[in-house]
N, C-alpha and C. Protein backbone atom coordinates (compact mmCIF):
# COMPACT_ATOMS: atom_id res chain seq x y z
N MET A 1 -19.70 -19.60 19.05
CA MET A 1 -18.57 -20.07 18.34
C MET A 1 -18.45 -21.54 18.43
N HIS A 2 -17.87 -22.30 17.50
CA HIS A 2 -17.73 -23.76 17.51
C HIS A 2 -16.30 -24.01 17.35
N PRO A 3 -15.90 -24.96 17.99
CA PRO A 3 -14.46 -25.39 17.81
C PRO A 3 -14.24 -25.94 16.61
N CYS A 4 -13.00 -25.64 16.06
CA CYS A 4 -12.63 -26.26 14.87
C CYS A 4 -11.28 -27.30 15.05
N ARG A 5 -11.33 -28.18 14.24
CA ARG A 5 -10.01 -29.18 14.37
C ARG A 5 -8.71 -28.40 14.29
N LEU A 6 -7.86 -28.43 15.27
CA LEU A 6 -6.82 -27.51 15.34
C LEU A 6 -5.51 -28.24 14.53
N VAL A 7 -5.55 -27.71 13.31
CA VAL A 7 -4.67 -28.24 12.33
C VAL A 7 -3.31 -27.61 12.25
N ASP A 8 -2.37 -28.29 11.70
CA ASP A 8 -1.07 -27.54 11.65
C ASP A 8 -0.79 -27.06 10.32
N VAL A 9 0.31 -26.53 9.96
CA VAL A 9 0.58 -26.01 8.58
C VAL A 9 0.46 -26.89 7.64
N ASP A 10 0.80 -28.08 7.80
CA ASP A 10 0.77 -29.15 6.68
C ASP A 10 -0.65 -29.52 6.16
N PHE A 11 -1.62 -29.06 6.93
CA PHE A 11 -3.04 -29.04 6.30
C PHE A 11 -3.31 -28.23 5.05
N VAL A 12 -2.56 -27.01 5.07
CA VAL A 12 -2.75 -26.40 3.83
C VAL A 12 -2.25 -27.12 2.57
N ASP A 13 -1.40 -28.10 2.58
CA ASP A 13 -1.03 -29.02 1.45
C ASP A 13 -1.77 -30.27 1.38
N THR A 14 -2.44 -30.70 2.38
CA THR A 14 -3.04 -31.94 2.33
C THR A 14 -4.59 -31.96 2.47
N ALA A 15 -5.17 -30.90 2.57
CA ALA A 15 -6.63 -30.83 2.76
C ALA A 15 -7.36 -31.05 1.50
N ARG A 16 -8.32 -31.77 1.56
CA ARG A 16 -9.29 -32.23 0.29
C ARG A 16 -9.65 -30.90 -0.52
N PHE A 17 -9.92 -29.85 0.19
CA PHE A 17 -10.37 -28.50 -0.45
C PHE A 17 -9.21 -27.57 -0.34
N ARG A 18 -8.64 -27.25 -1.47
CA ARG A 18 -7.33 -26.26 -1.35
C ARG A 18 -7.61 -25.34 -2.70
N TYR A 19 -7.19 -24.15 -2.33
CA TYR A 19 -7.22 -23.10 -3.33
C TYR A 19 -5.91 -22.26 -3.21
N ALA A 20 -5.15 -22.34 -4.45
CA ALA A 20 -3.82 -21.70 -4.38
C ALA A 20 -3.93 -20.72 -5.52
N ASN A 21 -3.47 -19.52 -5.34
CA ASN A 21 -3.32 -18.37 -6.30
C ASN A 21 -2.29 -17.52 -6.03
N THR A 22 -1.58 -17.00 -7.12
CA THR A 22 -0.50 -16.26 -7.02
C THR A 22 -0.60 -14.87 -7.67
N VAL A 23 0.13 -13.82 -7.17
CA VAL A 23 0.09 -12.61 -7.67
C VAL A 23 1.44 -11.96 -7.62
N GLU A 24 1.84 -11.21 -8.70
CA GLU A 24 3.07 -10.40 -8.72
C GLU A 24 2.74 -9.07 -8.08
N LEU A 25 3.56 -8.71 -7.28
CA LEU A 25 3.43 -7.34 -6.49
C LEU A 25 4.51 -6.50 -6.91
N ALA A 26 4.44 -5.19 -7.05
CA ALA A 26 5.49 -4.36 -7.28
C ALA A 26 6.00 -3.50 -6.10
N ILE A 27 6.00 -4.38 -4.83
CA ILE A 27 6.53 -3.75 -3.63
C ILE A 27 7.32 -4.89 -3.12
N THR A 28 8.15 -4.44 -2.02
CA THR A 28 9.15 -5.45 -1.45
C THR A 28 8.39 -6.38 -0.53
N PRO A 29 8.91 -7.48 -0.19
CA PRO A 29 8.28 -8.42 0.70
C PRO A 29 8.07 -7.79 2.02
N GLU A 30 8.99 -7.03 2.50
CA GLU A 30 8.74 -6.14 3.81
C GLU A 30 7.61 -5.36 3.71
N GLN A 31 7.33 -4.54 2.70
CA GLN A 31 6.18 -3.71 2.59
C GLN A 31 4.78 -4.66 2.50
N LEU A 32 5.05 -5.72 1.90
CA LEU A 32 3.87 -6.67 1.75
C LEU A 32 3.55 -7.07 3.29
N PHE A 33 4.44 -7.41 4.08
CA PHE A 33 4.23 -7.87 5.58
C PHE A 33 3.57 -6.59 6.38
N GLU A 34 4.02 -5.44 6.04
CA GLU A 34 3.43 -4.29 6.61
C GLU A 34 1.85 -4.28 6.43
N VAL A 35 1.65 -4.60 5.13
CA VAL A 35 0.16 -4.49 4.79
C VAL A 35 -0.60 -5.67 5.49
N LEU A 36 -0.09 -6.83 5.51
CA LEU A 36 -0.66 -8.07 6.08
C LEU A 36 -0.73 -7.72 7.75
N ALA A 37 0.03 -7.06 8.23
CA ALA A 37 0.11 -6.85 9.63
C ALA A 37 -1.03 -5.68 10.01
N ASP A 38 -1.46 -5.01 8.84
CA ASP A 38 -2.31 -4.02 9.31
C ASP A 38 -3.72 -4.45 9.22
N ALA A 39 -4.44 -4.40 10.36
CA ALA A 39 -5.83 -4.90 10.55
C ALA A 39 -6.88 -4.15 9.65
N THR A 40 -6.55 -2.76 9.34
CA THR A 40 -7.41 -2.01 8.38
C THR A 40 -7.30 -2.27 6.84
N SER A 41 -6.12 -3.03 6.49
CA SER A 41 -5.94 -3.19 5.18
C SER A 41 -6.88 -4.29 4.57
N TRP A 42 -7.14 -5.48 5.38
CA TRP A 42 -7.75 -6.58 4.93
C TRP A 42 -9.04 -6.34 4.17
N PRO A 43 -9.89 -5.66 4.83
CA PRO A 43 -11.28 -5.34 4.28
C PRO A 43 -11.12 -4.66 2.95
N ARG A 44 -9.93 -3.94 2.59
CA ARG A 44 -9.81 -3.10 1.54
C ARG A 44 -9.42 -3.98 0.25
N TRP A 45 -8.81 -5.10 0.56
CA TRP A 45 -8.68 -5.96 -0.69
C TRP A 45 -9.34 -7.21 -0.56
N ALA A 46 -9.47 -7.85 0.65
CA ALA A 46 -10.19 -9.20 0.63
C ALA A 46 -11.57 -8.80 1.03
N LYS A 47 -12.41 -8.55 0.05
CA LYS A 47 -13.71 -7.87 0.23
C LYS A 47 -14.69 -8.67 1.01
N VAL A 48 -14.39 -9.97 1.28
CA VAL A 48 -15.47 -10.76 2.14
C VAL A 48 -15.17 -10.46 3.71
N ILE A 49 -14.04 -9.73 3.86
CA ILE A 49 -13.62 -9.32 5.26
C ILE A 49 -14.09 -8.16 5.79
N THR A 50 -14.86 -7.98 6.75
CA THR A 50 -15.34 -6.58 7.12
C THR A 50 -14.63 -5.95 8.33
N HIS A 51 -13.95 -6.84 9.08
CA HIS A 51 -13.23 -6.26 10.27
C HIS A 51 -12.13 -7.27 10.81
N VAL A 52 -11.04 -6.81 11.10
CA VAL A 52 -9.99 -7.63 11.65
C VAL A 52 -9.66 -7.02 13.13
N THR A 53 -9.53 -7.83 14.16
CA THR A 53 -9.09 -7.41 15.38
C THR A 53 -8.01 -8.34 15.91
N TRP A 54 -6.87 -7.74 16.10
CA TRP A 54 -5.89 -8.31 16.74
C TRP A 54 -6.27 -8.57 18.18
N THR A 55 -6.14 -9.78 18.75
CA THR A 55 -6.58 -9.92 20.12
C THR A 55 -5.25 -10.27 21.15
N THR A 56 -4.13 -10.41 20.58
CA THR A 56 -2.89 -10.39 21.25
C THR A 56 -1.93 -9.24 20.97
N PRO A 57 -1.14 -8.87 21.85
CA PRO A 57 -0.35 -7.70 21.67
C PRO A 57 0.78 -7.79 20.64
N GLU A 58 1.35 -6.83 20.03
CA GLU A 58 2.54 -7.00 19.38
C GLU A 58 3.72 -7.46 20.21
N PRO A 59 4.79 -8.14 19.82
CA PRO A 59 5.10 -8.30 18.38
C PRO A 59 4.23 -9.55 17.88
N ARG A 60 4.05 -9.50 16.69
CA ARG A 60 3.26 -10.72 15.98
C ARG A 60 4.16 -11.86 15.99
N GLY A 61 3.73 -12.96 16.03
CA GLY A 61 4.54 -14.29 15.91
C GLY A 61 3.69 -15.54 15.98
N VAL A 62 4.21 -16.60 16.07
CA VAL A 62 3.64 -17.88 16.23
C VAL A 62 2.74 -17.66 17.54
N GLY A 63 1.52 -18.11 17.45
CA GLY A 63 0.65 -18.09 18.52
C GLY A 63 -0.23 -16.69 18.58
N THR A 64 0.21 -15.72 17.94
CA THR A 64 -0.61 -14.40 17.83
C THR A 64 -2.02 -14.80 17.40
N ARG A 65 -2.95 -14.24 18.01
CA ARG A 65 -4.33 -14.41 17.81
C ARG A 65 -5.03 -13.21 17.14
N ARG A 66 -6.05 -13.38 16.27
CA ARG A 66 -6.94 -12.25 15.95
C ARG A 66 -8.47 -12.84 15.59
N VAL A 67 -9.38 -11.97 15.50
CA VAL A 67 -10.64 -12.33 15.18
C VAL A 67 -11.05 -11.73 13.72
N VAL A 68 -11.61 -12.46 12.97
CA VAL A 68 -11.87 -11.83 11.67
C VAL A 68 -13.31 -12.06 11.39
N ASP A 69 -14.12 -10.85 11.20
CA ASP A 69 -15.52 -11.01 10.93
C ASP A 69 -15.65 -10.70 9.20
N MET A 70 -16.48 -11.63 8.70
CA MET A 70 -16.69 -11.56 7.42
C MET A 70 -18.27 -11.31 7.12
N ARG A 71 -18.32 -11.14 5.70
CA ARG A 71 -19.83 -10.92 5.24
C ARG A 71 -20.51 -12.18 5.39
N GLY A 72 -21.81 -12.14 5.66
CA GLY A 72 -22.61 -13.28 5.73
C GLY A 72 -22.62 -13.76 7.15
N GLY A 73 -21.84 -13.03 8.20
CA GLY A 73 -21.85 -13.43 9.43
C GLY A 73 -20.92 -14.45 9.97
N LEU A 74 -20.06 -14.79 9.14
CA LEU A 74 -18.92 -15.81 9.42
C LEU A 74 -17.90 -15.01 10.24
N VAL A 75 -17.64 -15.70 11.35
CA VAL A 75 -16.50 -15.17 12.21
C VAL A 75 -15.39 -16.18 12.51
N GLY A 76 -14.26 -15.83 12.32
CA GLY A 76 -13.08 -16.79 12.60
C GLY A 76 -12.35 -16.34 13.64
N ASP A 77 -11.88 -17.20 14.73
CA ASP A 77 -10.92 -16.92 15.72
C ASP A 77 -9.68 -17.63 15.23
N GLU A 78 -8.79 -16.88 14.83
CA GLU A 78 -7.43 -17.33 14.26
C GLU A 78 -6.42 -17.38 15.04
N GLU A 79 -5.44 -18.19 14.93
CA GLU A 79 -4.19 -18.34 15.65
C GLU A 79 -3.03 -18.56 14.49
N PHE A 80 -1.98 -17.67 14.54
CA PHE A 80 -0.92 -17.84 13.57
C PHE A 80 -0.09 -19.00 13.91
N LEU A 81 0.27 -19.85 12.88
CA LEU A 81 1.14 -20.99 12.97
C LEU A 81 2.60 -20.72 12.54
N LEU A 82 2.63 -19.73 11.60
CA LEU A 82 3.89 -19.12 11.04
C LEU A 82 3.87 -17.71 10.96
N TRP A 83 4.85 -17.06 11.37
CA TRP A 83 4.99 -15.55 11.24
C TRP A 83 6.54 -15.38 10.99
N GLU A 84 6.85 -15.38 9.61
CA GLU A 84 8.32 -15.34 9.30
C GLU A 84 8.51 -14.15 8.23
N PRO A 85 8.35 -12.91 8.61
CA PRO A 85 8.53 -11.94 7.77
C PRO A 85 10.01 -11.82 7.27
N PRO A 86 10.13 -11.70 5.90
CA PRO A 86 9.22 -11.42 4.86
C PRO A 86 8.87 -12.46 4.03
N THR A 87 8.96 -13.83 4.55
CA THR A 87 8.79 -14.90 3.55
C THR A 87 7.53 -15.67 3.73
N ARG A 88 6.99 -15.92 5.02
CA ARG A 88 5.97 -16.68 5.07
C ARG A 88 4.98 -16.45 6.30
N MET A 89 3.81 -16.68 6.19
CA MET A 89 2.91 -16.74 7.35
C MET A 89 1.82 -17.63 7.12
N ALA A 90 1.26 -18.13 8.22
CA ALA A 90 0.07 -19.09 7.98
C ALA A 90 -0.77 -18.91 9.35
N PHE A 91 -1.97 -19.31 9.29
CA PHE A 91 -3.01 -19.25 10.46
C PHE A 91 -3.96 -20.30 10.27
N ARG A 92 -4.75 -20.55 11.34
CA ARG A 92 -5.90 -21.56 11.20
C ARG A 92 -6.85 -20.92 11.98
N PHE A 93 -8.21 -21.50 11.79
CA PHE A 93 -9.34 -20.99 12.73
C PHE A 93 -9.21 -21.90 13.80
N ASN A 94 -9.23 -21.51 15.09
CA ASN A 94 -9.45 -22.20 16.24
C ASN A 94 -10.89 -22.45 16.50
N GLU A 95 -11.67 -21.48 16.17
CA GLU A 95 -13.16 -21.48 16.23
C GLU A 95 -13.82 -20.74 15.18
N SER A 96 -15.08 -21.24 14.93
CA SER A 96 -15.78 -20.53 13.71
C SER A 96 -17.15 -20.30 14.12
N SER A 97 -17.83 -19.27 13.78
CA SER A 97 -19.16 -19.13 14.03
C SER A 97 -20.06 -20.03 13.31
N GLU A 98 -19.56 -20.67 12.15
CA GLU A 98 -20.30 -21.77 11.44
C GLU A 98 -20.00 -23.04 11.89
N LYS A 99 -20.88 -23.98 12.31
CA LYS A 99 -20.62 -25.28 12.52
C LYS A 99 -19.83 -26.18 11.54
N THR A 100 -20.41 -25.80 10.14
CA THR A 100 -19.90 -26.70 9.15
C THR A 100 -18.45 -26.34 8.85
N VAL A 101 -17.75 -25.38 9.33
CA VAL A 101 -16.30 -25.44 9.18
C VAL A 101 -15.67 -26.24 10.23
N GLN A 102 -15.20 -27.30 9.72
CA GLN A 102 -14.55 -28.17 10.60
C GLN A 102 -13.09 -27.99 10.80
N ALA A 103 -12.28 -27.48 9.73
CA ALA A 103 -10.92 -27.03 9.68
C ALA A 103 -10.61 -26.02 8.57
N PHE A 104 -9.88 -25.09 8.97
CA PHE A 104 -9.51 -23.94 8.02
C PHE A 104 -8.23 -23.41 8.21
N ALA A 105 -7.34 -23.22 7.24
CA ALA A 105 -6.02 -22.55 7.25
C ALA A 105 -5.82 -21.90 5.99
N GLU A 106 -4.84 -20.86 6.24
CA GLU A 106 -4.30 -20.17 4.94
C GLU A 106 -2.74 -20.02 5.24
N ARG A 107 -1.93 -20.00 4.13
CA ARG A 107 -0.59 -19.84 4.21
C ARG A 107 -0.36 -18.82 3.03
N TYR A 108 0.58 -17.89 3.51
CA TYR A 108 1.07 -16.92 2.54
C TYR A 108 2.62 -16.95 2.29
N ASP A 109 2.97 -17.49 1.09
CA ASP A 109 4.32 -17.70 0.69
C ASP A 109 4.79 -16.37 -0.09
N VAL A 110 5.96 -15.86 0.28
CA VAL A 110 6.35 -14.68 -0.54
C VAL A 110 7.81 -14.82 -1.06
N VAL A 111 8.01 -14.52 -2.19
CA VAL A 111 9.39 -14.66 -2.95
C VAL A 111 9.70 -13.26 -3.39
N ARG A 112 10.89 -12.93 -3.13
CA ARG A 112 11.27 -11.57 -3.67
C ARG A 112 11.62 -11.87 -5.19
N THR A 113 11.29 -10.94 -5.90
CA THR A 113 11.54 -10.83 -7.42
C THR A 113 12.29 -9.63 -7.73
N ALA A 114 12.82 -9.49 -9.15
CA ALA A 114 13.48 -8.37 -9.59
C ALA A 114 12.62 -7.16 -9.51
N THR A 115 11.24 -7.30 -9.59
CA THR A 115 10.36 -6.11 -9.73
C THR A 115 9.58 -5.89 -8.40
N GLY A 116 9.74 -6.63 -7.36
CA GLY A 116 9.11 -6.68 -6.11
C GLY A 116 8.92 -7.99 -5.34
N CYS A 117 7.75 -8.46 -5.52
CA CYS A 117 7.67 -9.95 -4.88
C CYS A 117 6.57 -10.73 -5.57
N SER A 118 6.52 -11.94 -5.21
CA SER A 118 5.41 -12.83 -5.65
C SER A 118 4.80 -13.41 -4.56
N LEU A 119 3.42 -13.38 -4.40
CA LEU A 119 2.70 -13.89 -3.34
C LEU A 119 1.84 -15.09 -3.75
N THR A 120 1.96 -16.23 -3.13
CA THR A 120 1.24 -17.39 -3.39
C THR A 120 0.33 -17.51 -2.02
N TRP A 121 -0.98 -17.40 -2.20
CA TRP A 121 -2.03 -17.50 -1.06
C TRP A 121 -2.68 -18.88 -1.27
N THR A 122 -2.51 -19.75 -0.24
CA THR A 122 -3.23 -21.02 -0.34
C THR A 122 -4.18 -20.95 0.86
N LEU A 123 -5.50 -21.42 0.63
CA LEU A 123 -6.38 -21.54 1.44
C LEU A 123 -6.95 -23.10 1.50
N ALA A 124 -7.16 -23.53 2.81
CA ALA A 124 -7.56 -24.94 2.80
C ALA A 124 -8.61 -25.07 3.89
N LEU A 125 -9.64 -25.94 3.47
CA LEU A 125 -10.74 -25.99 4.49
C LEU A 125 -11.32 -27.47 4.32
N GLU A 126 -12.07 -27.91 5.47
CA GLU A 126 -12.71 -29.09 5.55
C GLU A 126 -14.02 -28.69 6.08
N VAL A 127 -15.08 -29.14 5.49
CA VAL A 127 -16.44 -28.73 5.89
C VAL A 127 -17.26 -29.90 6.18
N ALA A 128 -18.48 -29.75 6.96
CA ALA A 128 -19.30 -30.91 7.22
C ALA A 128 -20.67 -30.68 6.70
N GLY A 129 -21.46 -31.68 6.75
CA GLY A 129 -22.97 -31.47 6.38
C GLY A 129 -22.96 -31.33 4.84
N PRO A 130 -24.07 -30.74 4.43
CA PRO A 130 -24.34 -30.43 3.01
C PRO A 130 -23.30 -29.77 2.36
N SER A 131 -22.53 -28.90 2.97
CA SER A 131 -21.51 -28.09 2.44
C SER A 131 -20.51 -28.89 1.78
N ARG A 132 -20.22 -30.08 2.21
CA ARG A 132 -19.09 -30.89 1.69
C ARG A 132 -19.54 -31.46 0.22
N PHE A 133 -20.77 -31.28 -0.08
CA PHE A 133 -21.14 -31.75 -1.57
C PHE A 133 -21.07 -30.55 -2.57
N PHE A 134 -21.16 -29.20 -1.84
CA PHE A 134 -21.31 -28.05 -2.64
C PHE A 134 -19.79 -27.40 -2.95
N VAL A 135 -19.02 -27.56 -1.96
CA VAL A 135 -17.55 -26.89 -2.02
C VAL A 135 -16.99 -27.51 -3.34
N PRO A 136 -16.98 -28.94 -3.71
CA PRO A 136 -16.27 -29.12 -4.77
C PRO A 136 -16.90 -28.50 -6.13
N LEU A 137 -18.18 -28.28 -6.11
CA LEU A 137 -18.76 -27.76 -7.28
C LEU A 137 -18.55 -26.17 -7.41
N GLY A 138 -18.14 -25.62 -6.22
CA GLY A 138 -18.04 -24.13 -6.29
C GLY A 138 -16.40 -23.79 -6.44
N LYS A 139 -15.73 -24.76 -6.63
CA LYS A 139 -14.12 -24.50 -6.74
C LYS A 139 -13.92 -23.47 -7.75
N PRO A 140 -14.42 -23.58 -9.10
CA PRO A 140 -14.11 -22.60 -10.04
C PRO A 140 -14.53 -21.11 -9.61
N VAL A 141 -15.48 -21.09 -9.11
CA VAL A 141 -16.00 -19.64 -8.58
C VAL A 141 -15.06 -19.22 -7.46
N MET A 142 -14.77 -20.04 -6.46
CA MET A 142 -13.92 -19.62 -5.48
C MET A 142 -12.52 -19.36 -5.77
N ASN A 143 -11.93 -19.94 -6.81
CA ASN A 143 -10.55 -19.55 -7.25
C ASN A 143 -10.74 -18.16 -8.12
N LEU A 144 -11.77 -17.98 -8.84
CA LEU A 144 -12.03 -16.75 -9.58
C LEU A 144 -12.06 -15.52 -8.40
N THR A 145 -12.86 -15.81 -7.39
CA THR A 145 -12.94 -14.89 -6.20
C THR A 145 -11.59 -14.54 -5.62
N PHE A 146 -10.75 -15.53 -5.40
CA PHE A 146 -9.50 -15.37 -4.67
C PHE A 146 -8.60 -14.59 -5.65
N ARG A 147 -8.70 -14.93 -6.84
CA ARG A 147 -7.76 -14.16 -7.82
C ARG A 147 -8.37 -12.77 -7.94
N TRP A 148 -9.58 -12.44 -7.88
CA TRP A 148 -9.97 -11.13 -7.74
C TRP A 148 -9.42 -10.38 -6.44
N PHE A 149 -9.44 -11.04 -5.33
CA PHE A 149 -8.99 -10.55 -4.19
C PHE A 149 -7.48 -10.23 -4.27
N LEU A 150 -6.60 -10.97 -5.05
CA LEU A 150 -5.23 -10.64 -5.23
C LEU A 150 -5.06 -9.53 -6.08
N LYS A 151 -6.01 -9.45 -7.12
CA LYS A 151 -6.07 -8.17 -8.01
C LYS A 151 -6.10 -6.81 -7.24
N ASN A 152 -7.20 -7.11 -6.17
CA ASN A 152 -7.42 -5.99 -5.20
C ASN A 152 -6.26 -5.56 -4.46
N LEU A 153 -5.45 -6.80 -3.97
CA LEU A 153 -4.29 -6.43 -3.14
C LEU A 153 -3.33 -5.67 -4.05
N ARG A 154 -3.08 -6.14 -5.29
CA ARG A 154 -2.17 -5.41 -6.16
C ARG A 154 -2.52 -3.96 -6.38
N ARG A 155 -3.86 -3.75 -6.52
CA ARG A 155 -4.31 -2.32 -6.68
C ARG A 155 -4.04 -1.48 -5.38
N TYR A 156 -4.39 -2.06 -4.33
CA TYR A 156 -4.29 -1.45 -2.95
C TYR A 156 -2.80 -1.22 -2.69
N THR A 157 -1.83 -2.17 -2.98
CA THR A 157 -0.55 -1.92 -2.61
C THR A 157 0.13 -0.82 -3.60
N ASP A 158 -0.33 -1.00 -4.77
CA ASP A 158 0.24 0.04 -5.89
C ASP A 158 -0.19 1.38 -5.38
N GLU A 159 -1.45 1.65 -4.87
CA GLU A 159 -1.76 2.89 -4.46
C GLU A 159 -1.19 3.31 -3.22
N LYS A 160 -0.97 2.32 -2.25
CA LYS A 160 -0.42 2.67 -0.88
C LYS A 160 0.94 3.11 -1.13
N TYR A 161 1.76 2.38 -1.88
CA TYR A 161 3.20 2.62 -2.00
C TYR A 161 3.58 3.47 -3.30
N GLY A 162 2.70 4.09 -4.03
CA GLY A 162 2.86 4.97 -5.09
C GLY A 162 3.53 4.32 -6.24
N VAL A 163 3.15 3.14 -6.42
CA VAL A 163 3.66 2.32 -7.67
C VAL A 163 3.00 2.88 -8.88
N THR A 164 3.63 3.21 -9.92
CA THR A 164 3.11 3.60 -11.24
C THR A 164 3.56 2.57 -12.27
N VAL A 165 2.47 2.20 -13.03
CA VAL A 165 2.76 1.10 -14.08
C VAL A 165 3.16 1.66 -15.35
């Protein structure tokens, strides 16, 4: 594992490489946080993730840690910077299996709506080496992928909570 720059929550708004996407969900914010706290749910909707292991005991909160294994061998050792159910959560990579990942963070902003909730997922990263030239070129594909993950999340939460359209 390689150490990453220990960024704070503001990095999500200031990073050079940022991806923000929103989905409307037909579940309550509380139900969404149940899904986000469930290690087994992540691989079902964020298909790049293969396994999530919480490494600190409950209750979840600022400082909670987990390890996330992803396709292609990427592993991130994450620390939560925000855990404010049912409105916000954010985490960063403290370490990554890939040396090119210099800094990485995600924030999840949840707003209650008349029909459930709206989730805005923002991912930010800083990379080194040749990757810094390819990341800008891949932005449209990355955003398309993240929108697909959010559609998967909608499908997953609809099924889990018996939502009919």
